Amino acid sequence: MSTVLHYPQSQLQPRDPVGLDYDLVIVGGGLVGLTLAAALRHSQLKVLVVEAQPTSVAAMKGQAYHINLLSSHIFAEIGVWPAMRPGVNPIREIHLSDGDYAGKVQFTLADLQSDVLGYVAEHRVLLAALQQFIQNCASVTYLCPAELVNTNYSADEVELTLKTQEQTQIVRTQLLVAADGARSPIRQSAGIVTAGWQYGQACVVAFIKPEKSHQDIAYERFQTEGPFAILPLPDNLCRIVWTAPKEEAVAIAQLDETAFLSRLKQRYGDQMGELEMVGQRFVFPVQLKHSLRYTQPRLALIGDAAHCCHPVGGQGINLGFRDAAALAEVVLSAHRQGEDLGAPQVLRRYEQWRKLENLTILGFTDLLNRLFSNSWVPLVWFRRLGLQALRHIPLARSIALRLMVGLLGRRPRLSEIEV
């Protein structure tokens, strides 16, 4: 994909959107891109979603996520949560532990004064609900499979060349939104630089059917090699996320089923009885990446195109949902006030909102991984002192839990924006 720039940024001026094909084009029809499209359902803005793959890779690999409370609130405000809710599993307790240390932390409903601490859902469940939802949105067009092959930015529009199986077509829009993943071709071709690093770790993920009920409990168990998470799913399935050094993770994933389950049981524990494998195992690399800019004139980045974080705490996909909701609120407000959606002053509001909050969570997940994936004795004592504080100081436990479930920071309020 090539990009042609024809303007000095200072010369950008608002324009009348009449004559454009779309007000906003989202490239990337995954969970985050579709969340943004769904959030704009009542805006009367003409929205195009472009997706290259007819079948989601994440869906094929059976990916599953922790959906925090803020994300569930966002979906509720959009109106898609009722379709998602039957296929997700609530989290009613979270157990946090450090190796074989006896001082475990248990977060309960009483810590949050809530009837749930979050949810766990498979990628396919969320994707199907969002795809069905936008089919009923008259203002949203979903183009799949389609490939973006050229992007031409000018002072008052973005011209996109799209290639489908039948033809090549050109569309013009006020604003291009990149929701095209961690390797975002749009971000790269726009010259937006990222900072970050590889962790030298990878995650082995798999579905497990335990003998006993998971009781809606999520586990985060820290080991010196990396964190180990157990997420409760419907039908008493559990999703494991087993982080280890890359070579070890690959070797673990390649074990035969008997050897894998035997080694897994050492990490999993015996609280749910015998374990049964369901489906295949997959390995995902672990990295931290953050874009130095989230926007430039007529372009905004959301989700993994803007940032990636360590999977500890299950924050990554939730940051993307929050990006989508925040950008939707900014766009809806700008549209109501008759502003140019792609103008720098409009997009700056989104970047200033999300960049610092995302950096905070990226730093938090990085600190957790470095603090707990470490056998240096002073750090071991320090983190176990922190666990004791969480166990015995209700305020500390409440603040930590509110951070995990997304209730700290500015909350998008889509339902309050009338267009």
Protein backbone atom coordinates (compact mmCIF):
# COMPACT_ATOMS: atom_id res chain seq x y z
CA MET A 1 0.00 0.00 0.00
CA SER A 2 1.38 3.41 -0.93
CA THR A 3 0.60 6.82 0.52
CA VAL A 4 0.83 10.17 -1.23
CA LEU A 5 0.94 13.36 0.84
CA HIS A 6 0.05 16.60 -0.90
CA TYR A 7 -0.29 19.10 1.90
CA PRO A 8 1.53 21.01 4.58
CA GLN A 9 -0.50 20.35 7.75
CA SER A 10 -0.92 24.04 8.51
CA GLN A 11 -2.94 24.52 5.30
CA LEU A 12 -5.68 22.06 6.26
CA GLN A 13 -9.09 23.73 6.34
CA PRO A 14 -12.56 22.36 7.12
CA ARG A 15 -14.60 21.43 4.09
CA ASP A 16 -18.17 20.75 3.16
CA PRO A 17 -18.50 16.94 3.16
CA VAL A 18 -21.08 17.04 0.35
CA GLY A 19 -19.72 15.04 -2.58
CA LEU A 20 -17.65 12.65 -0.51
CA ASP A 21 -18.52 8.98 -0.70
CA TYR A 22 -18.23 8.48 3.07
CA ASP A 23 -17.79 10.63 6.13
CA LEU A 24 -15.56 8.03 7.74
CA VAL A 25 -13.79 4.88 6.50
CA ILE A 26 -12.59 2.23 8.97
CA VAL A 27 -9.95 -0.15 7.63
CA GLY A 28 -10.07 -3.28 9.75
CA GLY A 29 -13.30 -5.15 10.41
CA GLY A 30 -12.17 -6.86 13.60
CA LEU A 31 -13.64 -6.32 17.04
CA VAL A 32 -12.30 -2.79 17.55
CA GLY A 33 -13.14 -1.51 14.07
CA LEU A 34 -16.67 -2.91 14.23
CA THR A 35 -17.16 -1.44 17.71
CA LEU A 36 -16.43 2.02 16.31
CA ALA A 37 -18.82 1.46 13.39
CA ALA A 38 -21.54 0.22 15.74
CA ALA A 39 -21.04 3.21 18.05
CA LEU A 40 -21.83 5.55 15.12
CA ARG A 41 -25.07 3.77 14.25
CA HIS A 42 -27.45 6.68 14.96
CA SER A 43 -25.20 9.50 13.78
CA GLN A 44 -26.43 9.66 10.16
CA LEU A 45 -22.75 9.68 9.18
CA LYS A 46 -21.93 7.51 6.18
CA VAL A 47 -19.48 4.89 7.44
CA LEU A 48 -17.56 2.29 5.42
CA VAL A 49 -15.83 -0.70 7.05
CA VAL A 50 -13.15 -2.39 4.92
CA GLU A 51 -11.95 -5.86 5.90
CA ALA A 52 -9.43 -7.92 3.92
CA GLN A 53 -10.08 -11.36 5.45
CA PRO A 54 -13.41 -13.14 4.99
CA THR A 55 -12.68 -15.20 8.13
CA SER A 56 -11.07 -13.74 11.22
CA VAL A 57 -7.72 -15.33 12.08
CA ALA A 58 -8.43 -14.76 15.77
CA ALA A 59 -11.78 -16.56 15.41
CA MET A 60 -10.14 -19.49 13.64
CA LYS A 61 -7.63 -19.81 16.49
CA GLY A 62 -10.38 -19.70 19.09
CA GLN A 63 -9.07 -16.57 20.78
CA ALA A 64 -10.85 -15.53 23.97
CA TYR A 65 -10.68 -12.37 26.07
CA HIS A 66 -11.31 -10.89 29.46
CA ILE A 67 -14.02 -8.26 28.86
CA ASN A 68 -13.80 -5.72 31.65
CA LEU A 69 -16.74 -3.86 33.13
CA LEU A 70 -16.12 -0.68 31.16
CA SER A 71 -16.15 -2.62 27.88
CA SER A 72 -19.44 -4.26 28.84
CA HIS A 73 -20.86 -0.80 29.62
CA ILE A 74 -19.67 0.47 26.22
CA PHE A 75 -21.39 -2.42 24.46
CA ALA A 76 -24.53 -1.79 26.50
CA GLU A 77 -24.61 1.88 25.48
CA ILE A 78 -24.11 0.91 21.83
CA GLY A 79 -26.95 -1.60 22.10
CA VAL A 80 -25.08 -4.78 21.13
CA TRP A 81 -24.59 -6.21 24.63
CA PRO A 82 -27.93 -8.12 24.73
CA ALA A 83 -26.75 -10.15 21.70
CA MET A 84 -23.35 -10.81 23.31
CA ARG A 85 -24.47 -11.57 26.87
CA PRO A 86 -25.79 -15.14 26.34
CA GLY A 87 -22.40 -16.22 24.97
CA VAL A 88 -20.17 -14.71 27.66
CA ASN A 89 -19.31 -15.96 31.14
CA PRO A 90 -19.28 -13.72 34.22
CA ILE A 91 -16.28 -13.42 36.54
CA ARG A 92 -17.38 -13.44 40.18
CA GLU A 93 -13.97 -13.81 41.82
CA ILE A 94 -10.36 -13.11 40.81
CA HIS A 95 -7.54 -14.99 42.53
CA LEU A 96 -4.06 -13.44 42.35
CA SER A 97 -1.00 -15.39 43.52
CA ASP A 98 2.79 -15.39 43.30
CA GLY A 99 4.36 -18.81 42.73
CA ASP A 100 4.03 -21.02 45.79
CA TYR A 101 3.64 -18.06 48.16
CA ALA A 102 0.72 -18.65 50.52
CA GLY A 103 -0.39 -14.99 50.62
CA LYS A 104 -2.95 -15.12 47.82
CA VAL A 105 -5.25 -12.21 47.05
CA GLN A 106 -8.94 -12.86 46.38
CA PHE A 107 -10.98 -10.09 44.77
CA THR A 108 -14.68 -10.58 45.41
CA LEU A 109 -17.95 -8.88 44.49
CA ALA A 110 -17.93 -7.07 47.82
CA ASP A 111 -14.69 -5.28 46.87
CA LEU A 112 -16.51 -3.53 44.02
CA GLN A 113 -20.06 -3.55 45.37
CA SER A 114 -21.07 -5.16 42.09
CA ASP A 115 -22.78 -8.37 40.96
CA VAL A 116 -19.93 -9.18 38.56
CA LEU A 117 -16.21 -8.35 38.19
CA GLY A 118 -16.08 -8.75 34.43
CA TYR A 119 -16.70 -11.33 31.72
CA VAL A 120 -14.88 -13.79 29.47
CA ALA A 121 -15.89 -14.31 25.86
CA GLU A 122 -14.61 -16.05 22.77
CA HIS A 123 -13.64 -13.87 19.83
CA ARG A 124 -16.21 -15.55 17.58
CA VAL A 125 -19.08 -14.66 19.94
CA LEU A 126 -18.21 -10.97 20.05
CA LEU A 127 -17.47 -10.80 16.32
CA ALA A 128 -20.73 -12.48 15.29
CA ALA A 129 -22.75 -10.10 17.48
CA LEU A 130 -21.03 -7.01 16.08
CA GLN A 131 -21.31 -8.20 12.47
CA GLN A 132 -25.01 -8.90 12.90
CA PHE A 133 -25.52 -5.55 14.61
CA ILE A 134 -23.99 -3.45 11.84
CA GLN A 135 -26.03 -5.30 9.22
CA ASN A 136 -29.02 -3.50 10.72
CA CYS A 137 -27.29 -0.09 10.63
CA ALA A 138 -28.46 1.67 7.49
CA SER A 139 -25.60 4.18 7.60
CA VAL A 140 -22.83 1.51 7.79
CA THR A 141 -21.50 -0.32 4.72
CA TYR A 142 -19.40 -3.47 5.29
CA LEU A 143 -17.03 -4.34 2.45
CA CYS A 144 -15.38 -7.76 2.77
CA PRO A 145 -13.15 -9.09 1.39
CA ALA A 146 -11.54 -5.87 0.21
CA GLU A 147 -7.96 -4.61 0.25
CA LEU A 148 -6.72 -1.05 0.63
CA VAL A 149 -4.04 -0.65 -2.04
CA ASN A 150 -3.45 3.10 -2.10
CA THR A 151 -4.07 6.10 0.14
CA ASN A 152 -3.89 9.67 -1.10
CA TYR A 153 -4.19 12.40 1.55
CA SER A 154 -5.05 15.93 0.52
CA ALA A 155 -6.12 19.07 2.34
CA ASP A 156 -9.83 18.31 2.42
CA GLU A 157 -10.20 14.53 1.93
CA VAL A 158 -8.58 11.11 1.78
CA GLU A 159 -8.81 9.21 -1.49
CA LEU A 160 -8.67 5.44 -1.03
CA THR A 161 -8.16 2.84 -3.73
CA LEU A 162 -9.87 -0.41 -2.77
CA LYS A 163 -9.51 -3.74 -4.50
CA THR A 164 -12.26 -6.35 -4.27
CA GLN A 165 -12.63 -9.67 -6.04
CA GLU A 166 -14.70 -8.00 -8.76
CA GLN A 167 -13.12 -4.61 -9.26
CA THR A 168 -10.95 -1.73 -8.12
CA GLN A 169 -12.79 1.31 -6.85
CA ILE A 170 -11.91 4.72 -5.45
CA VAL A 171 -13.71 6.21 -2.46
CA ARG A 172 -13.29 9.61 -0.83
CA THR A 173 -13.77 10.37 2.86
CA GLN A 174 -13.24 13.03 5.53
CA LEU A 175 -11.51 10.66 7.93
CA LEU A 176 -9.59 7.39 7.66
CA VAL A 177 -9.43 5.22 10.78
CA ALA A 178 -6.75 2.53 10.98
CA ALA A 179 -7.98 -0.50 12.92
CA ASP A 180 -5.72 -2.82 10.93
CA GLY A 181 -3.72 -4.44 13.70
CA ALA A 182 -0.30 -4.32 15.31
CA ARG A 183 1.54 -4.31 11.99
CA SER A 184 -0.79 -1.64 10.61
CA PRO A 185 0.19 -0.93 6.97
CA ILE A 186 -1.69 2.36 7.23
CA ARG A 187 0.36 3.48 10.21
CA GLN A 188 3.61 2.45 8.57
CA SER A 189 2.86 4.11 5.25
CA ALA A 190 1.84 7.31 7.05
CA GLY A 191 5.28 7.41 8.65
CA ILE A 192 4.01 7.20 12.24
CA VAL A 193 6.82 5.86 14.43
CA THR A 194 6.31 3.36 17.25
CA ALA A 195 8.35 2.67 20.37
CA GLY A 196 8.52 -0.58 22.32
CA TRP A 197 10.18 -3.95 22.61
CA GLN A 198 9.77 -7.70 22.38
CA TYR A 199 9.61 -9.42 25.77
CA GLY A 200 11.38 -12.61 24.79
CA GLN A 201 8.20 -14.36 25.91
CA ALA A 202 5.31 -16.05 24.13
CA CYS A 203 1.87 -17.22 25.25
CA VAL A 204 0.56 -20.76 24.84
CA VAL A 205 -3.24 -20.62 24.70
CA ALA A 206 -5.70 -23.50 24.81
CA PHE A 207 -9.20 -24.50 25.89
CA ILE A 208 -9.44 -26.84 28.87
CA LYS A 209 -12.46 -28.76 30.17
CA PRO A 210 -12.01 -29.34 33.92
CA GLU A 211 -13.71 -32.15 35.81
CA LYS A 212 -15.20 -29.78 38.40
CA SER A 213 -16.93 -26.41 38.01
CA HIS A 214 -14.74 -23.34 37.49
CA GLN A 215 -17.26 -21.45 39.68
CA ASP A 216 -16.80 -18.27 37.60
CA ILE A 217 -13.34 -17.69 39.11
CA ALA A 218 -10.50 -16.13 37.09
CA TYR A 219 -6.92 -16.85 38.13
CA GLU A 220 -3.73 -14.86 37.54
CA ARG A 221 -0.75 -16.84 38.79
CA PHE A 222 2.66 -15.25 38.56
CA GLN A 223 5.73 -17.41 37.95
CA THR A 224 9.32 -16.35 37.36
CA GLU A 225 9.00 -17.55 33.72
CA GLY A 226 5.86 -15.45 33.18
CA PRO A 227 2.21 -15.18 34.29
CA PHE A 228 -0.31 -18.00 33.94
CA ALA A 229 -4.00 -17.13 33.60
CA ILE A 230 -7.17 -19.21 33.76
CA LEU A 231 -10.31 -17.59 32.34
CA PRO A 232 -13.78 -19.12 32.91
CA LEU A 233 -15.97 -19.61 29.83
CA PRO A 234 -19.53 -20.89 29.27
CA ASP A 235 -20.20 -24.65 29.41
CA ASN A 236 -17.49 -25.00 32.09
CA LEU A 237 -14.69 -24.42 29.61
CA CYS A 238 -11.56 -22.57 30.67
CA ARG A 239 -9.12 -20.62 28.53
CA ILE A 240 -5.51 -20.79 29.67
CA VAL A 241 -2.89 -18.19 28.79
CA TRP A 242 0.50 -19.67 29.69
CA THR A 243 3.38 -17.21 29.30
CA ALA A 244 6.94 -18.55 29.07
CA PRO A 245 10.24 -17.76 27.32
CA LYS A 246 9.72 -18.09 23.55
CA GLU A 247 11.63 -21.32 22.99
CA GLU A 248 10.04 -22.94 26.03
CA ALA A 249 6.56 -21.84 24.92
CA VAL A 250 7.05 -23.40 21.50
CA ALA A 251 8.30 -26.62 23.09
CA ILE A 252 5.30 -26.72 25.47
CA ALA A 253 2.86 -26.26 22.60
CA GLN A 254 4.48 -29.13 20.68
CA LEU A 255 4.19 -31.69 23.50
CA ASP A 256 1.79 -34.57 22.93
CA GLU A 257 -1.51 -34.21 24.72
CA THR A 258 -0.67 -36.48 27.66
CA ALA A 259 2.66 -34.75 28.34
CA PHE A 260 1.07 -31.31 27.89
CA LEU A 261 -1.72 -32.02 30.38
CA SER A 262 0.75 -33.47 32.85
CA ARG A 263 2.90 -30.35 32.74
CA LEU A 264 -0.15 -28.10 32.70
CA LYS A 265 -1.52 -29.66 35.88
CA GLN A 266 1.55 -28.42 37.78
CA ARG A 267 0.58 -24.81 36.93
CA TYR A 268 -3.18 -25.26 36.89
CA GLY A 269 -3.54 -26.89 40.30
CA ASP A 270 -6.02 -29.55 41.38
CA GLN A 271 -8.92 -27.30 42.46
CA MET A 272 -10.97 -28.37 39.42
CA GLY A 273 -10.00 -32.05 39.29
CA GLU A 274 -8.82 -33.75 36.11
CA LEU A 275 -8.29 -31.70 32.93
CA GLU A 276 -9.30 -32.43 29.33
CA MET A 277 -7.96 -30.72 26.22
CA VAL A 278 -10.51 -29.17 23.85
CA GLY A 279 -9.25 -28.17 20.40
CA GLN A 280 -5.78 -27.07 19.40
CA ARG A 281 -3.02 -25.11 21.12
CA PHE A 282 -1.61 -21.90 19.67
CA VAL A 283 1.39 -19.70 20.44
CA PHE A 284 1.32 -15.89 20.37
CA PRO A 285 4.37 -13.61 20.70
CA VAL A 286 4.40 -10.97 23.45
CA GLN A 287 5.39 -7.37 22.82
CA LEU A 288 4.91 -3.80 23.96
CA LYS A 289 4.37 -1.22 21.25
CA HIS A 290 3.13 2.35 21.37
CA SER A 291 2.65 4.83 18.54
CA LEU A 292 4.30 8.18 19.14
CA ARG A 293 1.24 9.76 17.48
CA TYR A 294 -2.32 8.47 17.34
CA THR A 295 -3.40 10.94 14.69
CA GLN A 296 -2.34 13.11 11.82
CA PRO A 297 -4.65 15.18 9.62
CA ARG A 298 -7.43 12.93 8.28
CA LEU A 299 -6.05 9.82 10.01
CA ALA A 300 -6.66 8.22 13.42
CA LEU A 301 -5.26 4.98 14.88
CA ILE A 302 -7.24 2.74 17.23
CA GLY A 303 -6.63 -0.59 18.94
CA ASP A 304 -3.51 -2.57 18.12
CA ALA A 305 -2.66 -0.14 15.33
CA ALA A 306 -1.96 2.40 18.10
CA HIS A 307 -0.64 0.18 20.90
CA CYS A 308 0.06 -3.37 22.08
CA CYS A 309 0.72 -4.49 25.64
CA HIS A 310 1.66 -7.57 27.65
CA PRO A 311 -1.36 -9.87 28.11
CA VAL A 312 -1.02 -9.90 31.91
CA GLY A 313 -4.30 -8.65 33.36
CA GLY A 314 -6.14 -9.01 30.03
CA GLN A 315 -6.04 -5.30 29.23
CA GLY A 316 -5.17 -5.23 25.51
CA ILE A 317 -8.52 -5.71 23.77
CA ASN A 318 -10.23 -3.52 26.36
CA LEU A 319 -7.93 -0.60 25.52
CA GLY A 320 -9.03 -1.00 21.92
CA PHE A 321 -12.73 -0.94 22.81
CA ARG A 322 -12.10 2.19 24.87
CA ASP A 323 -10.27 3.79 21.91
CA ALA A 324 -13.22 3.05 19.64
CA ALA A 325 -15.75 4.50 22.08
CA ALA A 326 -13.63 7.59 22.74
CA LEU A 327 -13.13 8.29 19.03
CA ALA A 328 -16.85 7.77 18.44
CA GLU A 329 -17.69 10.31 21.14
CA VAL A 330 -15.23 12.84 19.66
CA VAL A 331 -16.57 12.29 16.14
CA LEU A 332 -20.22 12.51 17.23
CA SER A 333 -19.58 15.73 19.13
CA ALA A 334 -17.67 17.25 16.19
CA HIS A 335 -20.42 16.26 13.76
CA ARG A 336 -23.07 17.82 15.98
CA GLN A 337 -21.09 21.07 15.99
CA GLY A 338 -20.57 21.02 12.20
CA GLU A 339 -16.82 20.47 12.39
CA ASP A 340 -14.61 18.70 9.85
CA LEU A 341 -14.11 15.19 11.24
CA GLY A 342 -10.57 14.92 9.85
CA ALA A 343 -9.31 18.29 11.05
CA PRO A 344 -6.31 18.32 13.42
CA GLN A 345 -8.16 20.17 16.18
CA VAL A 346 -10.85 17.47 16.23
CA LEU A 347 -8.48 14.49 16.16
CA ARG A 348 -6.27 16.09 18.80
CA ARG A 349 -9.10 15.69 21.31
CA TYR A 350 -9.09 11.94 20.77
CA GLU A 351 -5.30 11.66 21.02
CA GLN A 352 -5.06 13.76 24.18
CA TRP A 353 -7.80 11.68 25.76
CA ARG A 354 -6.48 8.22 24.97
CA LYS A 355 -2.71 8.50 24.74
CA LEU A 356 -1.96 9.12 28.42
CA GLU A 357 -4.53 6.58 29.63
CA ASN A 358 -3.11 3.92 27.32
CA LEU A 359 0.46 4.71 28.36
CA THR A 360 -0.59 4.28 31.99
CA ILE A 361 -2.00 0.80 31.34
CA LEU A 362 0.97 -0.19 29.14
CA GLY A 363 3.30 0.88 31.93
CA PHE A 364 1.22 -0.99 34.51
CA THR A 365 1.28 -4.26 32.57
CA ASP A 366 5.01 -3.89 31.86
CA LEU A 367 5.71 -3.26 35.55
CA LEU A 368 3.63 -6.28 36.61
CA ASN A 369 5.47 -8.58 34.22
CA ARG A 370 8.93 -7.31 35.18
CA LEU A 371 8.13 -7.32 38.88
CA PHE A 372 6.71 -10.83 39.03
CA SER A 373 8.73 -12.55 36.27
CA ASN A 374 11.80 -12.13 38.40
CA SER A 375 13.61 -14.16 41.06
CA TRP A 376 15.77 -11.33 42.45
CA VAL A 377 15.22 -11.59 46.21
CA PRO A 378 14.62 -7.86 46.96
CA LEU A 379 11.93 -7.76 44.27
CA VAL A 380 10.38 -10.97 45.56
CA TRP A 381 10.05 -9.45 49.03
CA PHE A 382 8.75 -6.17 47.60
CA ARG A 383 5.99 -7.75 45.50
CA ARG A 384 4.91 -10.04 48.32
CA LEU A 385 4.66 -7.01 50.58
CA GLY A 386 2.39 -5.54 47.88
CA LEU A 387 0.24 -8.67 47.92
CA GLN A 388 -0.06 -8.39 51.70
CA ALA A 389 -1.21 -4.80 51.28
CA LEU A 390 -3.89 -5.90 48.81
CA ARG A 391 -5.02 -8.63 51.21
CA HIS A 392 -5.32 -6.45 54.29
CA ILE A 393 -6.05 -2.90 53.05
CA PRO A 394 -9.54 -2.67 51.50
CA LEU A 395 -8.83 0.71 49.85
CA ALA A 396 -5.73 -0.63 48.09
CA ARG A 397 -7.67 -3.68 46.92
CA SER A 398 -10.53 -1.52 45.67
CA ILE A 399 -8.22 0.82 43.70
CA ALA A 400 -6.34 -2.10 42.12
CA LEU A 401 -9.60 -3.80 41.18
CA ARG A 402 -11.09 -0.64 39.69
CA LEU A 403 -7.97 -0.27 37.53
CA MET A 404 -8.28 -3.88 36.34
CA VAL A 405 -11.97 -3.59 35.45
CA GLY A 406 -11.57 -0.28 33.61
CA LEU A 407 -13.37 2.01 36.06
CA LEU A 408 -10.49 4.47 36.50
CA GLY A 409 -9.95 7.24 33.99
CA ARG A 410 -12.38 9.08 31.74
CA ARG A 411 -15.33 7.01 30.66
CA PRO A 412 -16.83 7.41 27.16
CA ARG A 413 -20.48 8.40 27.33
CA LEU A 414 -21.93 7.59 23.94
CA SER A 415 -25.54 7.64 25.08
CA GLU A 416 -25.25 11.29 26.13
CA ILE A 417 -24.22 12.55 22.67
CA GLU A 418 -27.26 13.42 20.58
CA VAL A 419 -26.82 14.04 16.87
